[in-house]
Amino acid sequence: MENKPWYASKTIWGVALAGIGLIAAHWGVLIAPDDATLNGVIEIACKVAEVVGLVLALYGRIKAQSAIGKPTA
Protein backbone atom coordinates (compact mmCIF):
# COMPACT_ATOMS: atom_id res chain seq x y z
CA MET A 1 0.00 0.00 0.00
CA GLU A 2 1.30 3.41 -0.96
CA ASN A 3 1.77 6.02 1.79
CA LYS A 4 0.71 9.66 1.63
CA PRO A 5 1.60 12.69 3.78
CA TRP A 6 -0.77 13.50 6.67
CA TYR A 7 -1.85 16.82 5.11
CA ALA A 8 -3.25 14.98 2.06
CA SER A 9 -5.75 13.04 4.20
CA LYS A 10 -9.43 14.01 3.98
CA THR A 11 -9.92 12.24 7.32
CA ILE A 12 -7.36 14.46 9.07
CA TRP A 13 -8.88 17.64 7.58
CA GLY A 14 -12.39 16.53 8.50
CA VAL A 15 -11.43 15.85 12.10
CA ALA A 16 -9.60 19.19 12.28
CA LEU A 17 -12.62 21.08 10.94
CA ALA A 18 -14.99 19.34 13.35
CA GLY A 19 -12.59 20.05 16.21
CA ILE A 20 -12.41 23.74 15.35
CA GLY A 21 -16.21 23.92 15.32
CA LEU A 22 -16.45 22.15 18.68
CA ILE A 23 -13.78 24.29 20.32
CA ALA A 24 -15.23 27.55 18.99
CA ALA A 25 -18.72 26.59 20.20
CA HIS A 26 -17.43 25.42 23.59
CA TRP A 27 -15.43 28.58 24.22
CA GLY A 28 -18.37 30.75 23.17
CA VAL A 29 -16.67 32.71 20.42
CA LEU A 30 -18.28 36.14 20.37
CA ILE A 31 -17.55 38.62 17.61
CA ALA A 32 -20.07 41.27 18.64
CA PRO A 33 -21.34 40.77 22.22
CA ASP A 34 -24.23 43.23 21.68
CA ASP A 35 -25.46 41.65 18.43
CA ALA A 36 -27.57 38.55 19.18
CA THR A 37 -28.28 37.93 15.48
CA LEU A 38 -24.59 37.84 14.54
CA ASN A 39 -23.80 35.60 17.48
CA GLY A 40 -26.63 33.28 16.40
CA VAL A 41 -25.10 33.08 12.93
CA ILE A 42 -21.70 32.29 14.45
CA GLU A 43 -23.24 29.55 16.59
CA ILE A 44 -24.86 28.02 13.49
CA ALA A 45 -21.55 28.28 11.61
CA CYS A 46 -19.81 26.35 14.41
CA LYS A 47 -22.43 23.60 14.20
CA VAL A 48 -22.15 23.46 10.40
CA ALA A 49 -18.35 23.17 10.71
CA GLU A 50 -18.80 20.24 13.11
CA VAL A 51 -21.20 18.39 10.81
CA VAL A 52 -19.24 19.07 7.61
CA GLY A 53 -16.01 18.04 9.34
CA LEU A 54 -17.48 14.78 10.58
CA VAL A 55 -18.96 13.96 7.16
CA LEU A 56 -15.63 14.75 5.48
CA ALA A 57 -13.77 12.54 7.96
CA LEU A 58 -16.16 9.66 7.37
CA TYR A 59 -16.00 10.10 3.58
CA GLY A 60 -12.21 10.30 3.68
CA ARG A 61 -11.97 7.12 5.73
CA ILE A 62 -14.29 5.22 3.38
CA LYS A 63 -12.48 6.39 0.22
CA ALA A 64 -8.93 6.03 1.61
CA GLN A 65 -6.67 3.93 -0.56
CA SER A 66 -3.35 4.95 0.98
CA ALA A 67 -1.98 4.84 4.48
CA ILE A 68 -0.74 7.98 6.18
CA GLY A 69 3.01 7.95 6.63
CA LYS A 70 6.24 8.80 4.91
CA PRO A 71 5.61 8.83 1.16
CA THR A 72 7.41 6.10 -0.70
CA ALA A 73 9.86 7.32 -3.31
PDB file of N, CA and C in Angstrom:
ATOM      1  N   MET A   1       0.853  -1.191   0.000  1.00  0.00           N
ATOM      2  CA  MET A   1       0.000   0.000   0.000  1.00  0.00           C
ATOM      3  C   MET A   1       0.893   1.247   0.000  1.00  0.00           C
ATOM      4  N   GLU A   2       0.547   2.172  -0.821  1.00  0.00           N
ATOM      5  CA  GLU A   2       1.304   3.412  -0.957  1.00  0.00           C
ATOM      6  C   GLU A   2       0.970   4.364   0.190  1.00  0.00           C
ATOM      7  N   ASN A   3       1.975   5.043   0.715  1.00  0.00           N
ATOM      8  CA  ASN A   3       1.769   6.016   1.795  1.00  0.00           C
ATOM      9  C   ASN A   3       1.569   7.418   1.229  1.00  0.00           C
ATOM     10  N   LYS A   4       0.890   8.261   2.014  1.00  0.00           N
ATOM     11  CA  LYS A   4       0.712   9.662   1.628  1.00  0.00           C
ATOM     12  C   LYS A   4       0.988  10.529   2.849  1.00  0.00           C
ATOM     13  N   PRO A   5       1.343  11.798   2.643  1.00  0.00           N
ATOM     14  CA  PRO A   5       1.599  12.691   3.785  1.00  0.00           C
ATOM     15  C   PRO A   5       0.293  12.977   4.537  1.00  0.00           C
ATOM     16  N   TRP A   6       0.407  13.284   5.816  1.00  0.00           N
ATOM     17  CA  TRP A   6      -0.770  13.502   6.666  1.00  0.00           C
ATOM     18  C   TRP A   6      -1.665  14.613   6.139  1.00  0.00           C
ATOM     19  N   TYR A   7      -1.071  15.660   5.551  1.00  0.00           N
ATOM     20  CA  TYR A   7      -1.855  16.816   5.107  1.00  0.00           C
ATOM     21  C   TYR A   7      -2.661  16.519   3.837  1.00  0.00           C
ATOM     22  N   ALA A   8      -2.475  15.366   3.236  1.00  0.00           N
ATOM     23  CA  ALA A   8      -3.252  14.980   2.060  1.00  0.00           C
ATOM     24  C   ALA A   8      -4.446  14.097   2.436  1.00  0.00           C
ATOM     25  N   SER A   9      -4.682  13.919   3.726  1.00  0.00           N
ATOM     26  CA  SER A   9      -5.749  13.044   4.198  1.00  0.00           C
ATOM     27  C   SER A   9      -7.050  13.811   4.434  1.00  0.00           C
ATOM     28  N   LYS A  10      -8.116  13.405   3.753  1.00  0.00           N
ATOM     29  CA  LYS A  10      -9.433  14.005   3.983  1.00  0.00           C
ATOM     30  C   LYS A  10      -9.892  13.742   5.414  1.00  0.00           C
ATOM     31  N   THR A  11      -9.538  12.588   5.948  1.00  0.00           N
ATOM     32  CA  THR A  11      -9.922  12.242   7.317  1.00  0.00           C
ATOM     33  C   THR A  11      -9.309  13.224   8.312  1.00  0.00           C
ATOM     34  N   ILE A  12      -8.036  13.511   8.172  1.00  0.00           N
ATOM     35  CA  ILE A  12      -7.362  14.460   9.074  1.00  0.00           C
ATOM     36  C   ILE A  12      -8.012  15.837   8.975  1.00  0.00           C
ATOM     37  N   TRP A  13      -8.272  16.322   7.752  1.00  0.00           N
ATOM     38  CA  TRP A  13      -8.885  17.645   7.577  1.00  0.00           C
ATOM     39  C   TRP A  13     -10.308  17.667   8.125  1.00  0.00           C
ATOM     40  N   GLY A  14     -11.042  16.586   7.959  1.00  0.00           N
ATOM     41  CA  GLY A  14     -12.395  16.527   8.501  1.00  0.00           C
ATOM     42  C   GLY A  14     -12.411  16.587  10.016  1.00  0.00           C
ATOM     43  N   VAL A  15     -11.523  15.835  10.644  1.00  0.00           N
ATOM     44  CA  VAL A  15     -11.434  15.851  12.104  1.00  0.00           C
ATOM     45  C   VAL A  15     -10.989  17.226  12.596  1.00  0.00           C
ATOM     46  N   ALA A  16     -10.055  17.849  11.898  1.00  0.00           N
ATOM     47  CA  ALA A  16      -9.597  19.187  12.284  1.00  0.00           C
ATOM     48  C   ALA A  16     -10.734  20.204  12.196  1.00  0.00           C
ATOM     49  N   LEU A  17     -11.503  20.161  11.113  1.00  0.00           N
ATOM     50  CA  LEU A  17     -12.620  21.085  10.944  1.00  0.00           C
ATOM     51  C   LEU A  17     -13.678  20.877  12.024  1.00  0.00           C
ATOM     52  N   ALA A  18     -14.016  19.627  12.296  1.00  0.00           N
ATOM     53  CA  ALA A  18     -14.985  19.336  13.348  1.00  0.00           C
ATOM     54  C   ALA A  18     -14.465  19.811  14.706  1.00  0.00           C
ATOM     55  N   GLY A  19     -13.186  19.603  14.949  1.00  0.00           N
ATOM     56  CA  GLY A  19     -12.586  20.049  16.206  1.00  0.00           C
ATOM     57  C   GLY A  19     -12.620  21.560  16.365  1.00  0.00           C
ATOM     58  N   ILE A  20     -12.354  22.273  15.295  1.00  0.00           N
ATOM     59  CA  ILE A  20     -12.413  23.744  15.347  1.00  0.00           C
ATOM     60  C   ILE A  20     -13.831  24.205  15.667  1.00  0.00           C
ATOM     61  N   GLY A  21     -14.819  23.577  15.030  1.00  0.00           N
ATOM     62  CA  GLY A  21     -16.210  23.920  15.320  1.00  0.00           C
ATOM     63  C   GLY A  21     -16.580  23.643  16.766  1.00  0.00           C
ATOM     64  N   LEU A  22     -16.156  22.503  17.280  1.00  0.00           N
ATOM     65  CA  LEU A  22     -16.449  22.147  18.675  1.00  0.00           C
ATOM     66  C   LEU A  22     -15.778  23.104  19.657  1.00  0.00           C
ATOM     67  N   ILE A  23     -14.519  23.401  19.416  1.00  0.00           N
ATOM     68  CA  ILE A  23     -13.777  24.293  20.317  1.00  0.00           C
ATOM     69  C   ILE A  23     -14.369  25.699  20.286  1.00  0.00           C
ATOM     70  N   ALA A  24     -14.662  26.201  19.101  1.00  0.00           N
ATOM     71  CA  ALA A  24     -15.234  27.547  18.990  1.00  0.00           C
ATOM     72  C   ALA A  24     -16.583  27.624  19.693  1.00  0.00           C
ATOM     73  N   ALA A  25     -17.415  26.599  19.538  1.00  0.00           N
ATOM     74  CA  ALA A  25     -18.725  26.587  20.196  1.00  0.00           C
ATOM     75  C   ALA A  25     -18.572  26.459  21.709  1.00  0.00           C
ATOM     76  N   HIS A  26     -17.636  25.633  22.152  1.00  0.00           N
ATOM     77  CA  HIS A  26     -17.425  25.424  23.592  1.00  0.00           C
ATOM     78  C   HIS A  26     -16.907  26.682  24.284  1.00  0.00           C
ATOM     79  N   TRP A  27     -16.007  27.380  23.630  1.00  0.00           N
ATOM     80  CA  TRP A  27     -15.432  28.584  24.219  1.00  0.00           C
ATOM     81  C   TRP A  27     -16.325  29.796  24.049  1.00  0.00           C
ATOM     82  N   GLY A  28     -17.426  29.644  23.339  1.00  0.00           N
ATOM     83  CA  GLY A  28     -18.366  30.748  23.172  1.00  0.00           C
ATOM     84  C   GLY A  28     -17.770  31.919  22.426  1.00  0.00           C
ATOM     85  N   VAL A  29     -17.269  31.662  21.240  1.00  0.00           N
ATOM     86  CA  VAL A  29     -16.666  32.705  20.423  1.00  0.00           C
ATOM     87  C   VAL A  29     -17.699  33.800  20.163  1.00  0.00           C
ATOM     88  N   LEU A  30     -17.391  35.003  20.578  1.00  0.00           N
ATOM     89  CA  LEU A  30     -18.280  36.144  20.372  1.00  0.00           C
ATOM     90  C   LEU A  30     -17.558  37.204  19.557  1.00  0.00           C
ATOM     91  N   ILE A  31     -18.135  37.570  18.447  1.00  0.00           N
ATOM     92  CA  ILE A  31     -17.552  38.616  17.612  1.00  0.00           C
ATOM     93  C   ILE A  31     -18.102  39.972  18.053  1.00  0.00           C
ATOM     94  N   ALA A  32     -19.406  40.031  18.240  1.00  0.00           N
ATOM     95  CA  ALA A  32     -20.073  41.269  18.636  1.00  0.00           C
ATOM     96  C   ALA A  32     -21.003  40.952  19.811  1.00  0.00           C
ATOM     97  N   PRO A  33     -20.547  41.146  21.053  1.00  0.00           N
ATOM     98  CA  PRO A  33     -21.340  40.767  22.219  1.00  0.00           C
ATOM     99  C   PRO A  33     -22.733  41.397  22.264  1.00  0.00           C
ATOM    100  N   ASP A  34     -22.931  42.553  21.635  1.00  0.00           N
ATOM    101  CA  ASP A  34     -24.229  43.230  21.676  1.00  0.00           C
ATOM    102  C   ASP A  34     -25.151  42.827  20.534  1.00  0.00           C
ATOM    103  N   ASP A  35     -24.682  42.004  19.611  1.00  0.00           N
ATOM    104  CA  ASP A  35     -25.464  41.646  18.432  1.00  0.00           C
ATOM    105  C   ASP A  35     -25.876  40.171  18.514  1.00  0.00           C
ATOM    106  N   ALA A  36     -27.084  39.919  19.003  1.00  0.00           N
ATOM    107  CA  ALA A  36     -27.571  38.550  19.179  1.00  0.00           C
ATOM    108  C   ALA A  36     -27.720  37.833  17.837  1.00  0.00           C
ATOM    109  N   THR A  37     -28.100  38.552  16.797  1.00  0.00           N
ATOM    110  CA  THR A  37     -28.276  37.932  15.477  1.00  0.00           C
ATOM    111  C   THR A  37     -26.943  37.421  14.942  1.00  0.00           C
ATOM    112  N   LEU A  38     -25.910  38.243  15.020  1.00  0.00           N
ATOM    113  CA  LEU A  38     -24.590  37.842  14.535  1.00  0.00           C
ATOM    114  C   LEU A  38     -24.066  36.665  15.342  1.00  0.00           C
ATOM    115  N   ASN A  39     -24.258  36.704  16.642  1.00  0.00           N
ATOM    116  CA  ASN A  39     -23.798  35.600  17.481  1.00  0.00           C
ATOM    117  C   ASN A  39     -24.571  34.323  17.174  1.00  0.00           C
ATOM    118  N   GLY A  40     -25.851  34.447  16.812  1.00  0.00           N
ATOM    119  CA  GLY A  40     -26.627  33.280  16.398  1.00  0.00           C
ATOM    120  C   GLY A  40     -26.081  32.682  15.118  1.00  0.00           C
ATOM    121  N   VAL A  41     -25.688  33.541  14.185  1.00  0.00           N
ATOM    122  CA  VAL A  41     -25.102  33.081  12.926  1.00  0.00           C
ATOM    123  C   VAL A  41     -23.773  32.370  13.207  1.00  0.00           C
ATOM    124  N   ILE A  42     -22.988  32.909  14.099  1.00  0.00           N
ATOM    125  CA  ILE A  42     -21.705  32.293  14.452  1.00  0.00           C
ATOM    126  C   ILE A  42     -21.927  30.930  15.090  1.00  0.00           C
ATOM    127  N   GLU A  43     -22.921  30.830  15.951  1.00  0.00           N
ATOM    128  CA  GLU A  43     -23.240  29.549  16.588  1.00  0.00           C
ATOM    129  C   GLU A  43     -23.638  28.512  15.538  1.00  0.00           C
ATOM    130  N   ILE A  44     -24.448  28.925  14.577  1.00  0.00           N
ATOM    131  CA  ILE A  44     -24.857  28.021  13.492  1.00  0.00           C
ATOM    132  C   ILE A  44     -23.640  27.622  12.655  1.00  0.00           C
ATOM    133  N   ALA A  45     -22.751  28.573  12.382  1.00  0.00           N
ATOM    134  CA  ALA A  45     -21.548  28.275  11.605  1.00  0.00           C
ATOM    135  C   ALA A  45     -20.670  27.247  12.315  1.00  0.00           C
ATOM    136  N   CYS A  46     -20.579  27.341  13.635  1.00  0.00           N
ATOM    137  CA  CYS A  46     -19.813  26.355  14.409  1.00  0.00           C
ATOM    138  C   CYS A  46     -20.429  24.971  14.262  1.00  0.00           C
ATOM    139  N   LYS A  47     -21.749  24.894  14.340  1.00  0.00           N
ATOM    140  CA  LYS A  47     -22.425  23.599  14.201  1.00  0.00           C
ATOM    141  C   LYS A  47     -22.256  23.040  12.794  1.00  0.00           C
ATOM    142  N   VAL A  48     -22.342  23.904  11.787  1.00  0.00           N
ATOM    143  CA  VAL A  48     -22.146  23.463  10.404  1.00  0.00           C
ATOM    144  C   VAL A  48     -20.721  22.937  10.227  1.00  0.00           C
ATOM    145  N   ALA A  49     -19.740  23.623  10.799  1.00  0.00           N
ATOM    146  CA  ALA A  49     -18.350  23.166  10.710  1.00  0.00           C
ATOM    147  C   ALA A  49     -18.200  21.788  11.341  1.00  0.00           C
ATOM    148  N   GLU A  50     -18.860  21.554  12.463  1.00  0.00           N
ATOM    149  CA  GLU A  50     -18.798  20.239  13.108  1.00  0.00           C
ATOM    150  C   GLU A  50     -19.358  19.158  12.190  1.00  0.00           C
ATOM    151  N   VAL A  51     -20.545  19.391  11.648  1.00  0.00           N
ATOM    152  CA  VAL A  51     -21.202  18.388  10.806  1.00  0.00           C
ATOM    153  C   VAL A  51     -20.415  18.143   9.520  1.00  0.00           C
ATOM    154  N   VAL A  52     -20.000  19.218   8.857  1.00  0.00           N
ATOM    155  CA  VAL A  52     -19.241  19.066   7.607  1.00  0.00           C
ATOM    156  C   VAL A  52     -17.917  18.349   7.884  1.00  0.00           C
ATOM    157  N   GLY A  53     -17.269  18.698   8.978  1.00  0.00           N
ATOM    158  CA  GLY A  53     -16.009  18.041   9.335  1.00  0.00           C
ATOM    159  C   GLY A  53     -16.184  16.556   9.592  1.00  0.00           C
ATOM    160  N   LEU A  54     -17.237  16.195  10.305  1.00  0.00           N
ATOM    161  CA  LEU A  54     -17.485  14.779  10.579  1.00  0.00           C
ATOM    162  C   LEU A  54     -17.829  14.006   9.304  1.00  0.00           C
ATOM    163  N   VAL A  55     -18.625  14.614   8.434  1.00  0.00           N
ATOM    164  CA  VAL A  55     -18.963  13.957   7.160  1.00  0.00           C
ATOM    165  C   VAL A  55     -17.702  13.801   6.302  1.00  0.00           C
ATOM    166  N   LEU A  56     -16.867  14.829   6.251  1.00  0.00           N
ATOM    167  CA  LEU A  56     -15.628  14.755   5.484  1.00  0.00           C
ATOM    168  C   LEU A  56     -14.710  13.670   6.036  1.00  0.00           C
ATOM    169  N   ALA A  57     -14.611  13.568   7.347  1.00  0.00           N
ATOM    170  CA  ALA A  57     -13.768  12.536   7.960  1.00  0.00           C
ATOM    171  C   ALA A  57     -14.285  11.139   7.615  1.00  0.00           C
ATOM    172  N   LEU A  58     -15.581  10.951   7.696  1.00  0.00           N
ATOM    173  CA  LEU A  58     -16.163   9.657   7.366  1.00  0.00           C
ATOM    174  C   LEU A  58     -15.949   9.334   5.884  1.00  0.00           C
ATOM    175  N   TYR A  59     -16.213  10.290   5.017  1.00  0.00           N
ATOM    176  CA  TYR A  59     -16.005  10.102   3.579  1.00  0.00           C
ATOM    177  C   TYR A  59     -14.536   9.782   3.279  1.00  0.00           C
ATOM    178  N   GLY A  60     -13.636  10.526   3.901  1.00  0.00           N
ATOM    179  CA  GLY A  60     -12.208  10.296   3.681  1.00  0.00           C
ATOM    180  C   GLY A  60     -11.779   8.914   4.123  1.00  0.00           C
ATOM    181  N   ARG A  61     -12.327   8.448   5.234  1.00  0.00           N
ATOM    182  CA  ARG A  61     -11.967   7.120   5.729  1.00  0.00           C
ATOM    183  C   ARG A  61     -12.492   6.025   4.798  1.00  0.00           C
ATOM    184  N   ILE A  62     -13.704   6.206   4.277  1.00  0.00           N
ATOM    185  CA  ILE A  62     -14.293   5.215   3.376  1.00  0.00           C
ATOM    186  C   ILE A  62     -13.529   5.160   2.052  1.00  0.00           C
ATOM    187  N   LYS A  63     -13.143   6.319   1.520  1.00  0.00           N
ATOM    188  CA  LYS A  63     -12.480   6.393   0.220  1.00  0.00           C
ATOM    189  C   LYS A  63     -10.963   6.189   0.284  1.00  0.00           C
ATOM    190  N   ALA A  64     -10.393   6.116   1.470  1.00  0.00           N
ATOM    191  CA  ALA A  64      -8.935   6.027   1.613  1.00  0.00           C
ATOM    192  C   ALA A  64      -8.389   4.794   0.901  1.00  0.00           C
ATOM    193  N   GLN A  65      -7.353   5.022   0.120  1.00  0.00           N
ATOM    194  CA  GLN A  65      -6.668   3.926  -0.564  1.00  0.00           C
ATOM    195  C   GLN A  65      -5.193   3.890  -0.207  1.00  0.00           C
ATOM    196  N   SER A  66      -4.754   4.869   0.578  1.00  0.00           N
ATOM    197  CA  SER A  66      -3.354   4.952   0.977  1.00  0.00           C
ATOM    198  C   SER A  66      -3.277   5.142   2.482  1.00  0.00           C
ATOM    199  N   ALA A  67      -2.232   4.622   3.067  1.00  0.00           N
ATOM    200  CA  ALA A  67      -1.979   4.837   4.477  1.00  0.00           C
ATOM    201  C   ALA A  67      -1.306   6.192   4.672  1.00  0.00           C
ATOM    202  N   ILE A  68      -1.433   6.735   5.857  1.00  0.00           N
ATOM    203  CA  ILE A  68      -0.743   7.979   6.183  1.00  0.00           C
ATOM    204  C   ILE A  68       0.629   7.603   6.710  1.00  0.00           C
ATOM    205  N   GLY A  69       1.643   8.248   6.207  1.00  0.00           N
ATOM    206  CA  GLY A  69       3.013   7.955   6.631  1.00  0.00           C
ATOM    207  C   GLY A  69       3.997   8.639   5.714  1.00  0.00           C
ATOM    208  N   LYS A  70       5.218   8.241   5.798  1.00  0.00           N
ATOM    209  CA  LYS A  70       6.236   8.805   4.911  1.00  0.00           C
ATOM    210  C   LYS A  70       5.972   8.297   3.499  1.00  0.00           C
ATOM    211  N   PRO A  71       5.860   9.255   2.543  1.00  0.00           N
ATOM    212  CA  PRO A  71       5.612   8.827   1.157  1.00  0.00           C
ATOM    213  C   PRO A  71       6.761   7.958   0.652  1.00  0.00           C
ATOM    214  N   THR A  72       6.391   6.944  -0.111  1.00  0.00           N
ATOM    215  CA  THR A  72       7.408   6.104  -0.704  1.00  0.00           C
ATOM    216  C   THR A  72       7.936   6.768  -1.955  1.00  0.00           C
ATOM    217  N   ALA A  73       9.237   6.644  -2.165  1.00  0.00           N
ATOM    218  CA  ALA A  73       9.864   7.315  -3.310  1.00  0.00           C
ATOM    219  C   ALA A  73       9.633   6.593  -4.596  1.00  0.00           C
TER     220      ALA A  73
END
